[in-house]
Amino acid sequence: MRLHRLALILMLPLAACLDVESEVTIGEDEIITADTTMVLGRQLFDMMQMMGEQGAGLCPPDSEKVETPESVSCRTTETMTIDDAMKEAEKAKTEDPFFGEMEFVRLDDERMKISLPLDFENIEGKPDELDASNPMFGMITGGLEGSEIVMRFRALEVESSNGTISADGTTVELVIPTLEIIQPSGTLPKTFEAVLKYRDCGFFGC
């Protein structure tokens, strides 16, 4: 997934429900495909449209969109090469301290390590609405009860991870209650980490 979109997801839980499911697949051809579905409360979606290009980035014009009076569902599919993902990760680390611990690292011709930050205590620039001193804070947090952010990685094999690895060993996921972003409980790891084998080069190498 494009990392600027990840930043928006992690920074944007406001007074409306926000469910996100993102599956990132690393192919043997070194192409990363990110399939992301977001379900936003109608109030939040309308608010984002008034934020210009940054807000529209959550649900771009080419996304698969389903609208109801209560919510808007946006599905996007994006691709990039492993090399492009590594470059974007390095750029994000220099632009936002929150991404300082993020890693997209090629370990060899078959494997890569991904590490995504989850230290929500250290997100800078949270809007006032996310401050417990705000009288609306209770309404905001109540609106997020039950909402989740699901991050999932898929490859030929998940060699190791601090997430939940599937029975067939090809997928790992971490489920984050959206409320954790504004009320961190300290129960999440500091990062979501996985070592993924995306191809098998065999005895003679790739």
N, C-alpha and C. Protein backbone atom coordinates (compact mmCIF):
# COMPACT_ATOMS: atom_id res chain seq x y z
N MET A 1 0.84 -1.18 0.00
CA MET A 1 0.00 0.00 0.00
C MET A 1 0.87 1.23 0.00
N ARG A 2 0.40 2.31 -0.60
CA ARG A 2 1.16 3.55 -0.58
C ARG A 2 1.26 4.04 0.86
N LEU A 3 2.47 4.43 1.25
CA LEU A 3 2.70 4.72 2.66
C LEU A 3 2.00 6.00 3.11
N HIS A 4 1.77 6.96 2.19
CA HIS A 4 1.02 8.15 2.60
C HIS A 4 -0.40 7.77 2.97
N ARG A 5 -0.95 6.73 2.33
CA ARG A 5 -2.29 6.28 2.66
C ARG A 5 -2.29 5.61 4.03
N LEU A 6 -1.24 4.84 4.33
CA LEU A 6 -1.11 4.23 5.65
C LEU A 6 -1.07 5.31 6.73
N ALA A 7 -0.34 6.39 6.47
CA ALA A 7 -0.25 7.47 7.45
C ALA A 7 -1.63 8.07 7.71
N LEU A 8 -2.42 8.26 6.65
CA LEU A 8 -3.76 8.80 6.82
C LEU A 8 -4.64 7.87 7.64
N ILE A 9 -4.54 6.56 7.36
CA ILE A 9 -5.34 5.59 8.10
C ILE A 9 -5.03 5.67 9.59
N LEU A 10 -3.75 5.75 9.92
CA LEU A 10 -3.35 5.71 11.32
C LEU A 10 -3.62 7.03 12.04
N MET A 11 -3.82 8.11 11.29
CA MET A 11 -3.98 9.42 11.91
C MET A 11 -5.43 9.90 11.95
N LEU A 12 -6.35 9.17 11.32
CA LEU A 12 -7.64 9.76 11.04
C LEU A 12 -8.88 9.28 11.76
N PRO A 13 -8.83 8.53 12.82
CA PRO A 13 -10.08 8.12 13.46
C PRO A 13 -10.75 9.31 14.14
N LEU A 14 -11.87 9.78 13.61
CA LEU A 14 -12.59 10.91 14.19
C LEU A 14 -13.94 10.42 14.68
N ALA A 15 -14.91 11.34 14.77
CA ALA A 15 -16.20 11.00 15.38
C ALA A 15 -17.09 10.24 14.40
N ALA A 16 -16.59 9.11 13.95
CA ALA A 16 -17.37 8.22 13.09
C ALA A 16 -16.61 6.92 12.98
N CYS A 17 -17.33 5.87 12.59
CA CYS A 17 -16.70 4.57 12.55
C CYS A 17 -15.70 4.49 11.41
N LEU A 18 -14.59 3.79 11.64
CA LEU A 18 -13.56 3.64 10.62
C LEU A 18 -13.04 2.22 10.70
N ASP A 19 -13.44 1.39 9.74
CA ASP A 19 -12.94 0.02 9.63
C ASP A 19 -12.05 -0.05 8.39
N VAL A 20 -10.92 -0.71 8.54
CA VAL A 20 -9.97 -0.83 7.44
C VAL A 20 -9.50 -2.27 7.36
N GLU A 21 -9.44 -2.81 6.15
CA GLU A 21 -8.84 -4.12 5.93
C GLU A 21 -7.88 -3.99 4.76
N SER A 22 -6.61 -4.29 5.00
CA SER A 22 -5.60 -4.14 3.97
C SER A 22 -4.80 -5.43 3.84
N GLU A 23 -4.77 -5.99 2.64
CA GLU A 23 -3.98 -7.20 2.37
C GLU A 23 -2.89 -6.87 1.37
N VAL A 24 -1.65 -7.08 1.80
CA VAL A 24 -0.48 -6.79 0.96
C VAL A 24 0.14 -8.11 0.55
N THR A 25 0.20 -8.35 -0.76
CA THR A 25 0.75 -9.59 -1.30
C THR A 25 2.07 -9.30 -2.01
N ILE A 26 3.09 -10.07 -1.65
CA ILE A 26 4.39 -9.95 -2.31
C ILE A 26 4.54 -11.13 -3.26
N GLY A 27 4.60 -10.84 -4.56
CA GLY A 27 4.65 -11.89 -5.57
C GLY A 27 6.06 -12.34 -5.90
N GLU A 28 6.17 -13.49 -6.53
CA GLU A 28 7.48 -14.01 -6.93
C GLU A 28 8.17 -13.09 -7.93
N ASP A 29 7.38 -12.26 -8.62
CA ASP A 29 7.94 -11.33 -9.59
C ASP A 29 8.39 -10.02 -8.95
N GLU A 30 8.40 -9.98 -7.60
CA GLU A 30 8.81 -8.80 -6.83
C GLU A 30 7.83 -7.64 -6.95
N ILE A 31 6.60 -7.94 -7.32
CA ILE A 31 5.55 -6.93 -7.36
C ILE A 31 4.71 -7.05 -6.09
N ILE A 32 4.51 -5.93 -5.42
CA ILE A 32 3.68 -5.87 -4.23
C ILE A 32 2.31 -5.34 -4.62
N THR A 33 1.28 -6.09 -4.28
CA THR A 33 -0.10 -5.68 -4.56
C THR A 33 -0.82 -5.44 -3.24
N ALA A 34 -1.39 -4.27 -3.09
CA ALA A 34 -2.12 -3.91 -1.87
C ALA A 34 -3.59 -3.73 -2.19
N ASP A 35 -4.41 -4.54 -1.57
CA ASP A 35 -5.87 -4.46 -1.73
C ASP A 35 -6.44 -3.95 -0.41
N THR A 36 -7.00 -2.75 -0.44
CA THR A 36 -7.46 -2.10 0.80
C THR A 36 -8.92 -1.71 0.70
N THR A 37 -9.67 -2.08 1.73
CA THR A 37 -11.07 -1.67 1.83
C THR A 37 -11.27 -0.88 3.11
N MET A 38 -11.86 0.29 2.98
CA MET A 38 -12.16 1.14 4.12
C MET A 38 -13.66 1.38 4.19
N VAL A 39 -14.21 1.28 5.38
CA VAL A 39 -15.62 1.62 5.60
C VAL A 39 -15.66 2.80 6.54
N LEU A 40 -16.07 3.94 6.03
CA LEU A 40 -16.09 5.18 6.80
C LEU A 40 -17.52 5.58 7.10
N GLY A 41 -17.74 6.08 8.30
CA GLY A 41 -19.04 6.66 8.61
C GLY A 41 -19.30 7.83 7.68
N ARG A 42 -20.56 8.06 7.34
CA ARG A 42 -20.91 9.12 6.40
C ARG A 42 -20.35 10.47 6.83
N GLN A 43 -20.42 10.77 8.13
CA GLN A 43 -19.95 12.06 8.63
C GLN A 43 -18.46 12.23 8.38
N LEU A 44 -17.69 11.16 8.65
CA LEU A 44 -16.26 11.23 8.43
C LEU A 44 -15.93 11.37 6.96
N PHE A 45 -16.61 10.62 6.10
CA PHE A 45 -16.35 10.70 4.67
C PHE A 45 -16.61 12.11 4.14
N ASP A 46 -17.72 12.70 4.51
CA ASP A 46 -18.05 14.05 4.03
C ASP A 46 -17.03 15.06 4.55
N MET A 47 -16.58 14.85 5.78
CA MET A 47 -15.57 15.74 6.35
C MET A 47 -14.26 15.66 5.56
N MET A 48 -13.88 14.42 5.18
CA MET A 48 -12.63 14.23 4.45
C MET A 48 -12.66 14.89 3.08
N GLN A 49 -13.81 14.91 2.44
CA GLN A 49 -13.90 15.52 1.12
C GLN A 49 -13.63 17.01 1.14
N MET A 50 -13.80 17.63 2.32
CA MET A 50 -13.55 19.07 2.46
C MET A 50 -12.10 19.37 2.77
N MET A 51 -11.27 18.32 2.91
CA MET A 51 -9.86 18.52 3.24
C MET A 51 -8.98 18.56 2.01
N GLY A 52 -9.59 18.56 0.82
CA GLY A 52 -8.81 18.66 -0.40
C GLY A 52 -8.14 17.35 -0.77
N GLU A 53 -6.99 17.46 -1.42
CA GLU A 53 -6.30 16.29 -1.97
C GLU A 53 -5.95 15.27 -0.91
N GLN A 54 -5.48 15.72 0.27
CA GLN A 54 -5.09 14.79 1.32
C GLN A 54 -6.28 13.96 1.79
N GLY A 55 -7.40 14.61 2.03
CA GLY A 55 -8.57 13.89 2.49
C GLY A 55 -9.12 12.96 1.42
N ALA A 56 -9.13 13.41 0.17
CA ALA A 56 -9.64 12.59 -0.92
C ALA A 56 -8.77 11.36 -1.15
N GLY A 57 -7.54 11.38 -0.64
CA GLY A 57 -6.63 10.25 -0.82
C GLY A 57 -7.11 8.98 -0.17
N LEU A 58 -7.98 9.09 0.85
CA LEU A 58 -8.52 7.89 1.47
C LEU A 58 -9.47 7.15 0.55
N CYS A 59 -10.18 7.89 -0.27
CA CYS A 59 -11.16 7.28 -1.18
C CYS A 59 -11.03 7.97 -2.54
N PRO A 60 -9.96 7.65 -3.30
CA PRO A 60 -9.70 8.34 -4.55
C PRO A 60 -10.76 8.06 -5.60
N PRO A 61 -10.85 8.89 -6.65
CA PRO A 61 -11.90 8.75 -7.66
C PRO A 61 -11.93 7.39 -8.34
N ASP A 62 -10.79 6.72 -8.47
CA ASP A 62 -10.75 5.44 -9.18
C ASP A 62 -11.04 4.25 -8.26
N SER A 63 -11.40 4.51 -7.01
CA SER A 63 -11.69 3.41 -6.09
C SER A 63 -13.08 2.83 -6.38
N GLU A 64 -13.26 1.58 -5.92
CA GLU A 64 -14.55 0.93 -6.02
C GLU A 64 -15.38 1.37 -4.82
N LYS A 65 -16.41 2.17 -5.05
CA LYS A 65 -17.10 2.85 -3.96
C LYS A 65 -18.55 2.39 -3.83
N VAL A 66 -18.96 2.13 -2.59
CA VAL A 66 -20.35 1.80 -2.29
C VAL A 66 -20.82 2.77 -1.22
N GLU A 67 -21.86 3.57 -1.54
CA GLU A 67 -22.34 4.59 -0.61
C GLU A 67 -23.74 4.26 -0.10
N THR A 68 -23.94 4.51 1.19
CA THR A 68 -25.26 4.44 1.81
C THR A 68 -25.43 5.70 2.63
N PRO A 69 -26.63 5.99 3.14
CA PRO A 69 -26.80 7.18 3.99
C PRO A 69 -25.94 7.12 5.26
N GLU A 70 -25.57 5.92 5.71
CA GLU A 70 -24.82 5.78 6.97
C GLU A 70 -23.32 5.65 6.77
N SER A 71 -22.87 5.13 5.62
CA SER A 71 -21.45 4.84 5.46
C SER A 71 -21.03 4.86 4.00
N VAL A 72 -19.71 4.87 3.80
CA VAL A 72 -19.14 4.79 2.46
C VAL A 72 -18.02 3.76 2.51
N SER A 73 -18.07 2.78 1.61
CA SER A 73 -17.03 1.76 1.50
C SER A 73 -16.19 2.05 0.27
N CYS A 74 -14.87 2.09 0.45
CA CYS A 74 -13.95 2.37 -0.66
C CYS A 74 -12.92 1.24 -0.76
N ARG A 75 -12.83 0.64 -1.93
CA ARG A 75 -11.84 -0.42 -2.16
C ARG A 75 -10.86 0.04 -3.24
N THR A 76 -9.58 -0.06 -2.92
CA THR A 76 -8.54 0.31 -3.87
C THR A 76 -7.54 -0.82 -4.01
N THR A 77 -6.96 -0.94 -5.20
CA THR A 77 -5.89 -1.90 -5.46
C THR A 77 -4.72 -1.14 -6.05
N GLU A 78 -3.55 -1.32 -5.44
CA GLU A 78 -2.35 -0.62 -5.89
C GLU A 78 -1.21 -1.60 -6.02
N THR A 79 -0.28 -1.29 -6.90
CA THR A 79 0.90 -2.14 -7.08
C THR A 79 2.16 -1.30 -7.07
N MET A 80 3.24 -1.90 -6.63
CA MET A 80 4.56 -1.28 -6.70
C MET A 80 5.60 -2.38 -6.63
N THR A 81 6.81 -2.09 -7.04
CA THR A 81 7.89 -3.06 -6.93
C THR A 81 8.46 -3.04 -5.52
N ILE A 82 9.16 -4.10 -5.16
CA ILE A 82 9.82 -4.13 -3.85
C ILE A 82 10.79 -2.96 -3.73
N ASP A 83 11.53 -2.67 -4.79
CA ASP A 83 12.49 -1.55 -4.74
C ASP A 83 11.77 -0.23 -4.50
N ASP A 84 10.63 -0.02 -5.16
CA ASP A 84 9.88 1.21 -4.96
C ASP A 84 9.37 1.32 -3.52
N ALA A 85 8.92 0.18 -2.95
CA ALA A 85 8.43 0.18 -1.58
C ALA A 85 9.54 0.55 -0.61
N MET A 86 10.74 0.04 -0.85
CA MET A 86 11.86 0.36 0.03
C MET A 86 12.23 1.84 -0.05
N LYS A 87 12.19 2.40 -1.25
CA LYS A 87 12.49 3.82 -1.42
C LYS A 87 11.44 4.69 -0.72
N GLU A 88 10.18 4.29 -0.86
CA GLU A 88 9.11 5.07 -0.24
C GLU A 88 9.20 5.00 1.28
N ALA A 89 9.58 3.82 1.80
CA ALA A 89 9.72 3.67 3.24
C ALA A 89 10.83 4.57 3.78
N GLU A 90 11.94 4.62 3.08
CA GLU A 90 13.05 5.48 3.51
C GLU A 90 12.65 6.95 3.48
N LYS A 91 11.89 7.33 2.47
CA LYS A 91 11.43 8.72 2.38
C LYS A 91 10.49 9.06 3.53
N ALA A 92 9.55 8.13 3.83
CA ALA A 92 8.59 8.36 4.90
C ALA A 92 9.30 8.53 6.24
N LYS A 93 10.37 7.78 6.46
CA LYS A 93 11.11 7.85 7.73
C LYS A 93 11.73 9.23 7.93
N THR A 94 12.11 9.88 6.86
CA THR A 94 12.71 11.21 6.97
C THR A 94 11.67 12.31 7.11
N GLU A 95 10.43 12.03 6.69
CA GLU A 95 9.40 13.06 6.68
C GLU A 95 8.51 13.04 7.92
N ASP A 96 8.42 11.91 8.62
CA ASP A 96 7.51 11.79 9.76
C ASP A 96 8.17 10.92 10.82
N PRO A 97 8.42 11.47 12.02
CA PRO A 97 9.08 10.70 13.09
C PRO A 97 8.32 9.43 13.46
N PHE A 98 7.00 9.41 13.27
CA PHE A 98 6.23 8.23 13.61
C PHE A 98 6.72 7.00 12.84
N PHE A 99 7.22 7.21 11.61
CA PHE A 99 7.66 6.09 10.78
C PHE A 99 9.15 5.78 10.97
N GLY A 100 9.74 6.30 12.03
CA GLY A 100 11.17 6.11 12.25
C GLY A 100 11.58 4.65 12.38
N GLU A 101 10.70 3.81 12.92
CA GLU A 101 11.03 2.39 13.12
C GLU A 101 10.53 1.51 11.97
N MET A 102 9.98 2.11 10.94
CA MET A 102 9.46 1.31 9.83
C MET A 102 10.59 0.73 9.00
N GLU A 103 10.38 -0.50 8.52
CA GLU A 103 11.38 -1.15 7.68
C GLU A 103 10.71 -1.86 6.51
N PHE A 104 11.27 -1.68 5.33
CA PHE A 104 11.03 -2.54 4.17
C PHE A 104 12.42 -2.92 3.71
N VAL A 105 12.89 -4.10 4.09
CA VAL A 105 14.28 -4.49 3.87
C VAL A 105 14.35 -5.80 3.10
N ARG A 106 15.12 -5.82 2.03
CA ARG A 106 15.36 -7.05 1.29
C ARG A 106 16.48 -7.82 2.01
N LEU A 107 16.17 -9.02 2.50
CA LEU A 107 17.17 -9.81 3.22
C LEU A 107 18.06 -10.58 2.25
N ASP A 108 17.50 -11.07 1.17
CA ASP A 108 18.25 -11.75 0.11
C ASP A 108 17.36 -11.80 -1.11
N ASP A 109 17.66 -12.70 -2.07
CA ASP A 109 16.87 -12.76 -3.30
C ASP A 109 15.51 -13.42 -3.11
N GLU A 110 15.27 -13.96 -1.92
CA GLU A 110 14.02 -14.68 -1.69
C GLU A 110 13.14 -14.06 -0.60
N ARG A 111 13.73 -13.28 0.29
CA ARG A 111 13.01 -12.86 1.50
C ARG A 111 13.12 -11.37 1.74
N MET A 112 12.13 -10.83 2.42
CA MET A 112 12.21 -9.45 2.88
C MET A 112 11.57 -9.33 4.25
N LYS A 113 11.98 -8.30 4.96
CA LYS A 113 11.42 -8.01 6.28
C LYS A 113 10.61 -6.73 6.20
N ILE A 114 9.41 -6.78 6.79
CA ILE A 114 8.55 -5.61 6.88
C ILE A 114 8.28 -5.34 8.36
N SER A 115 8.41 -4.09 8.75
CA SER A 115 8.12 -3.68 10.12
C SER A 115 7.34 -2.38 10.06
N LEU A 116 6.12 -2.39 10.60
CA LEU A 116 5.27 -1.19 10.59
C LEU A 116 5.08 -0.69 12.02
N PRO A 117 5.22 0.63 12.25
CA PRO A 117 5.12 1.18 13.61
C PRO A 117 3.70 1.13 14.16
N LEU A 118 3.61 0.83 15.45
CA LEU A 118 2.32 0.80 16.15
C LEU A 118 2.37 1.60 17.44
N ASP A 119 3.41 2.42 17.61
CA ASP A 119 3.58 3.19 18.84
C ASP A 119 2.74 4.46 18.76
N PHE A 120 1.43 4.30 18.94
CA PHE A 120 0.51 5.41 18.74
C PHE A 120 0.65 6.50 19.78
N GLU A 121 1.33 6.22 20.89
CA GLU A 121 1.60 7.26 21.88
C GLU A 121 2.45 8.37 21.28
N ASN A 122 3.24 8.03 20.28
CA ASN A 122 4.20 8.97 19.72
C ASN A 122 3.76 9.59 18.40
N ILE A 123 2.49 9.46 18.05
CA ILE A 123 2.01 10.15 16.85
C ILE A 123 1.98 11.64 17.14
N GLU A 124 2.64 12.39 16.26
CA GLU A 124 2.68 13.84 16.44
C GLU A 124 1.54 14.51 15.68
N GLY A 125 1.10 15.65 16.18
CA GLY A 125 0.14 16.46 15.46
C GLY A 125 -1.28 15.93 15.48
N LYS A 126 -1.65 15.16 16.51
CA LYS A 126 -3.03 14.72 16.59
C LYS A 126 -3.95 15.95 16.71
N PRO A 127 -5.08 15.92 16.03
CA PRO A 127 -6.01 17.06 16.16
C PRO A 127 -6.56 17.14 17.57
N ASP A 128 -7.07 18.33 17.93
CA ASP A 128 -7.59 18.56 19.28
C ASP A 128 -8.70 17.59 19.65
N GLU A 129 -9.44 17.12 18.65
CA GLU A 129 -10.55 16.20 18.92
C GLU A 129 -10.09 14.91 19.59
N LEU A 130 -8.78 14.60 19.47
CA LEU A 130 -8.27 13.35 20.02
C LEU A 130 -7.66 13.55 21.40
N ASP A 131 -7.87 14.69 22.00
CA ASP A 131 -7.34 15.00 23.32
C ASP A 131 -8.42 14.75 24.37
N ALA A 132 -8.07 14.02 25.44
CA ALA A 132 -9.05 13.67 26.47
C ALA A 132 -9.63 14.89 27.17
N SER A 133 -8.96 16.05 27.05
CA SER A 133 -9.49 17.26 27.68
C SER A 133 -10.65 17.86 26.89
N ASN A 134 -10.85 17.40 25.68
CA ASN A 134 -11.94 17.90 24.84
C ASN A 134 -13.26 17.29 25.31
N PRO A 135 -14.29 18.09 25.55
CA PRO A 135 -15.59 17.57 26.01
C PRO A 135 -16.20 16.55 25.04
N MET A 136 -15.78 16.60 23.76
CA MET A 136 -16.33 15.69 22.77
C MET A 136 -15.58 14.36 22.74
N PHE A 137 -14.54 14.23 23.56
CA PHE A 137 -13.68 13.05 23.49
C PHE A 137 -14.47 11.76 23.70
N GLY A 138 -15.38 11.77 24.68
CA GLY A 138 -16.17 10.58 24.95
C GLY A 138 -17.02 10.16 23.76
N MET A 139 -17.58 11.15 23.07
CA MET A 139 -18.40 10.85 21.89
C MET A 139 -17.53 10.24 20.79
N ILE A 140 -16.32 10.79 20.64
CA ILE A 140 -15.42 10.31 19.60
C ILE A 140 -15.03 8.86 19.86
N THR A 141 -14.59 8.59 21.09
CA THR A 141 -14.15 7.24 21.42
C THR A 141 -15.33 6.26 21.36
N GLY A 142 -16.50 6.70 21.78
CA GLY A 142 -17.67 5.84 21.71
C GLY A 142 -18.02 5.48 20.28
N GLY A 143 -17.81 6.42 19.36
CA GLY A 143 -18.10 6.17 17.96
C GLY A 143 -17.17 5.17 17.32
N LEU A 144 -16.02 4.91 17.97
CA LEU A 144 -15.04 3.98 17.41
C LEU A 144 -15.12 2.60 18.02
N GLU A 145 -15.97 2.41 19.01
CA GLU A 145 -16.10 1.09 19.64
C GLU A 145 -16.47 0.04 18.58
N GLY A 146 -15.70 -1.04 18.56
CA GLY A 146 -15.96 -2.13 17.62
C GLY A 146 -15.30 -1.98 16.27
N SER A 147 -14.75 -0.79 15.96
CA SER A 147 -14.06 -0.61 14.68
C SER A 147 -12.67 -1.22 14.74
N GLU A 148 -12.20 -1.72 13.60
CA GLU A 148 -10.91 -2.40 13.57
C GLU A 148 -10.10 -2.02 12.34
N ILE A 149 -8.80 -2.07 12.49
CA ILE A 149 -7.87 -1.98 11.37
C ILE A 149 -7.19 -3.33 11.26
N VAL A 150 -7.38 -4.01 10.13
CA VAL A 150 -6.78 -5.33 9.90
C VAL A 150 -5.65 -5.17 8.89
N MET A 151 -4.44 -5.52 9.30
CA MET A 151 -3.28 -5.50 8.41
C MET A 151 -2.90 -6.95 8.13
N ARG A 152 -2.75 -7.27 6.85
CA ARG A 152 -2.46 -8.66 6.47
C ARG A 152 -1.36 -8.69 5.41
N PHE A 153 -0.39 -9.58 5.58
CA PHE A 153 0.66 -9.80 4.59
C PHE A 153 0.52 -11.21 4.03
N ARG A 154 0.74 -11.34 2.73
CA ARG A 154 0.65 -12.65 2.08
C ARG A 154 1.88 -12.85 1.19
N ALA A 155 2.45 -14.04 1.24
CA ALA A 155 3.61 -14.36 0.41
C ALA A 155 3.69 -15.88 0.27
N LEU A 156 4.74 -16.37 -0.38
CA LEU A 156 4.93 -17.80 -0.53
C LEU A 156 5.01 -18.48 0.84
N GLU A 157 5.68 -17.80 1.79
CA GLU A 157 5.80 -18.36 3.14
C GLU A 157 6.06 -17.23 4.14
N VAL A 158 5.39 -17.27 5.26
CA VAL A 158 5.69 -16.36 6.37
C VAL A 158 6.68 -17.09 7.28
N GLU A 159 7.94 -16.63 7.27
CA GLU A 159 8.96 -17.32 8.05
C GLU A 159 8.85 -17.01 9.54
N SER A 160 8.52 -15.78 9.86
CA SER A 160 8.36 -15.40 11.26
C SER A 160 7.55 -14.11 11.33
N SER A 161 6.87 -13.92 12.46
CA SER A 161 6.09 -12.71 12.65
C SER A 161 5.58 -12.66 14.08
N ASN A 162 5.28 -11.43 14.55
CA ASN A 162 4.60 -11.29 15.84
C ASN A 162 3.09 -11.15 15.66
N GLY A 163 2.61 -11.37 14.43
CA GLY A 163 1.18 -11.41 14.17
C GLY A 163 0.68 -12.85 14.18
N THR A 164 -0.54 -13.05 13.73
CA THR A 164 -1.15 -14.37 13.71
C THR A 164 -0.94 -14.98 12.33
N ILE A 165 -0.19 -16.09 12.28
CA ILE A 165 0.14 -16.75 11.02
C ILE A 165 -0.93 -17.79 10.69
N SER A 166 -1.35 -17.82 9.44
CA SER A 166 -2.39 -18.76 9.01
C SER A 166 -1.89 -20.20 9.08
N ALA A 167 -2.84 -21.14 9.06
CA ALA A 167 -2.50 -22.55 9.16
C ALA A 167 -1.61 -23.02 8.01
N ASP A 168 -1.80 -22.44 6.81
CA ASP A 168 -0.97 -22.86 5.67
C ASP A 168 0.34 -22.10 5.59
N GLY A 169 0.57 -21.16 6.52
CA GLY A 169 1.86 -20.46 6.60
C GLY A 169 2.10 -19.43 5.53
N THR A 170 1.07 -19.04 4.78
CA THR A 170 1.27 -18.08 3.69
C THR A 170 0.79 -16.67 4.03
N THR A 171 0.08 -16.53 5.14
CA THR A 171 -0.54 -15.24 5.48
C THR A 171 -0.33 -14.94 6.96
N VAL A 172 -0.13 -13.67 7.27
CA VAL A 172 -0.07 -13.24 8.67
C VAL A 172 -0.88 -11.96 8.80
N GLU A 173 -1.58 -11.82 9.92
CA GLU A 173 -2.39 -10.62 10.11
C GLU A 173 -2.31 -10.12 11.54
N LEU A 174 -2.59 -8.85 11.67
CA LEU A 174 -2.70 -8.21 12.97
C LEU A 174 -3.97 -7.38 12.96
N VAL A 175 -4.79 -7.57 13.99
CA VAL A 175 -6.05 -6.83 14.11
C VAL A 175 -5.87 -5.78 15.20
N ILE A 176 -6.08 -4.51 14.84
CA ILE A 176 -5.90 -3.39 15.75
C ILE A 176 -7.24 -2.71 15.98
N PRO A 177 -7.75 -2.70 17.19
CA PRO A 177 -8.94 -1.89 17.45
C PRO A 177 -8.64 -0.43 17.11
N THR A 178 -9.48 0.20 16.31
CA THR A 178 -9.22 1.59 15.90
C THR A 178 -9.07 2.50 17.12
N LEU A 179 -9.76 2.18 18.18
CA LEU A 179 -9.70 2.98 19.41
C LEU A 179 -8.30 3.05 19.99
N GLU A 180 -7.46 2.04 19.68
CA GLU A 180 -6.09 2.02 20.19
C GLU A 180 -5.29 3.25 19.75
N ILE A 181 -5.67 3.82 18.62
CA ILE A 181 -4.90 4.94 18.08
C ILE A 181 -5.03 6.18 18.96
N ILE A 182 -6.22 6.36 19.56
CA ILE A 182 -6.39 7.55 20.39
C ILE A 182 -6.38 7.23 21.87
N GLN A 183 -6.56 5.96 22.21
CA GLN A 183 -6.46 5.53 23.60
C GLN A 183 -5.59 4.28 23.69
N PRO A 184 -4.28 4.43 23.48
CA PRO A 184 -3.39 3.26 23.50
C PRO A 184 -3.47 2.54 24.85
N SER A 185 -3.62 1.23 24.79
CA SER A 185 -3.74 0.43 26.02
C SER A 185 -2.41 -0.15 26.47
N GLY A 186 -1.41 -0.06 25.60
CA GLY A 186 -0.11 -0.65 25.93
C GLY A 186 -0.05 -2.14 25.65
N THR A 187 -1.10 -2.71 25.08
CA THR A 187 -1.13 -4.15 24.82
C THR A 187 -0.59 -4.51 23.44
N LEU A 188 -0.48 -3.53 22.55
CA LEU A 188 0.03 -3.82 21.21
C LEU A 188 1.56 -3.82 21.21
N PRO A 189 2.17 -4.60 20.31
CA PRO A 189 3.63 -4.49 20.14
C PRO A 189 3.97 -3.12 19.56
N LYS A 190 5.21 -2.70 19.70
CA LYS A 190 5.63 -1.40 19.16
C LYS A 190 5.63 -1.39 17.64
N THR A 191 5.82 -2.58 17.05
CA THR A 191 5.80 -2.70 15.60
C THR A 191 5.11 -4.01 15.21
N PHE A 192 4.57 -4.04 14.01
CA PHE A 192 4.05 -5.27 13.41
C PHE A 192 5.13 -5.75 12.46
N GLU A 193 5.71 -6.91 12.76
CA GLU A 193 6.88 -7.38 12.03
C GLU A 193 6.62 -8.72 11.36
N ALA A 194 7.22 -8.90 10.19
CA ALA A 194 7.12 -10.17 9.48
C ALA A 194 8.32 -10.34 8.56
N VAL A 195 8.84 -11.56 8.53
CA VAL A 195 9.84 -11.95 7.53
C VAL A 195 9.13 -12.85 6.54
N LEU A 196 9.10 -12.42 5.28
CA LEU A 196 8.31 -13.08 4.25
C LEU A 196 9.21 -13.65 3.16
N LYS A 197 9.02 -14.91 2.85
CA LYS A 197 9.71 -15.53 1.71
C LYS A 197 8.77 -15.44 0.52
N TYR A 198 9.15 -14.68 -0.49
CA TYR A 198 8.23 -14.43 -1.61
C TYR A 198 8.52 -15.28 -2.83
N ARG A 199 9.68 -15.97 -2.84
CA ARG A 199 9.95 -16.92 -3.92
C ARG A 199 10.99 -17.92 -3.46
N ASP A 200 11.06 -19.05 -4.17
CA ASP A 200 12.00 -20.11 -3.84
C ASP A 200 12.97 -20.24 -5.02
N CYS A 201 14.19 -19.79 -4.80
CA CYS A 201 15.17 -19.77 -5.88
C CYS A 201 15.84 -21.13 -6.12
N GLY A 202 15.63 -22.06 -5.19
CA GLY A 202 16.20 -23.38 -5.37
C GLY A 202 17.70 -23.42 -5.08
N PHE A 203 18.27 -24.57 -5.34
CA PHE A 203 19.68 -24.82 -5.00
C PHE A 203 20.63 -23.88 -5.73
N PHE A 204 20.33 -23.55 -6.98
CA PHE A 204 21.27 -22.78 -7.80
C PHE A 204 21.05 -21.27 -7.70
N GLY A 205 20.09 -20.85 -6.91
CA GLY A 205 19.84 -19.42 -6.73
C GLY A 205 19.00 -18.82 -7.83
N CYS A 206 18.63 -17.55 -7.63
CA CYS A 206 17.75 -16.89 -8.60
C CYS A 206 18.53 -16.35 -9.80
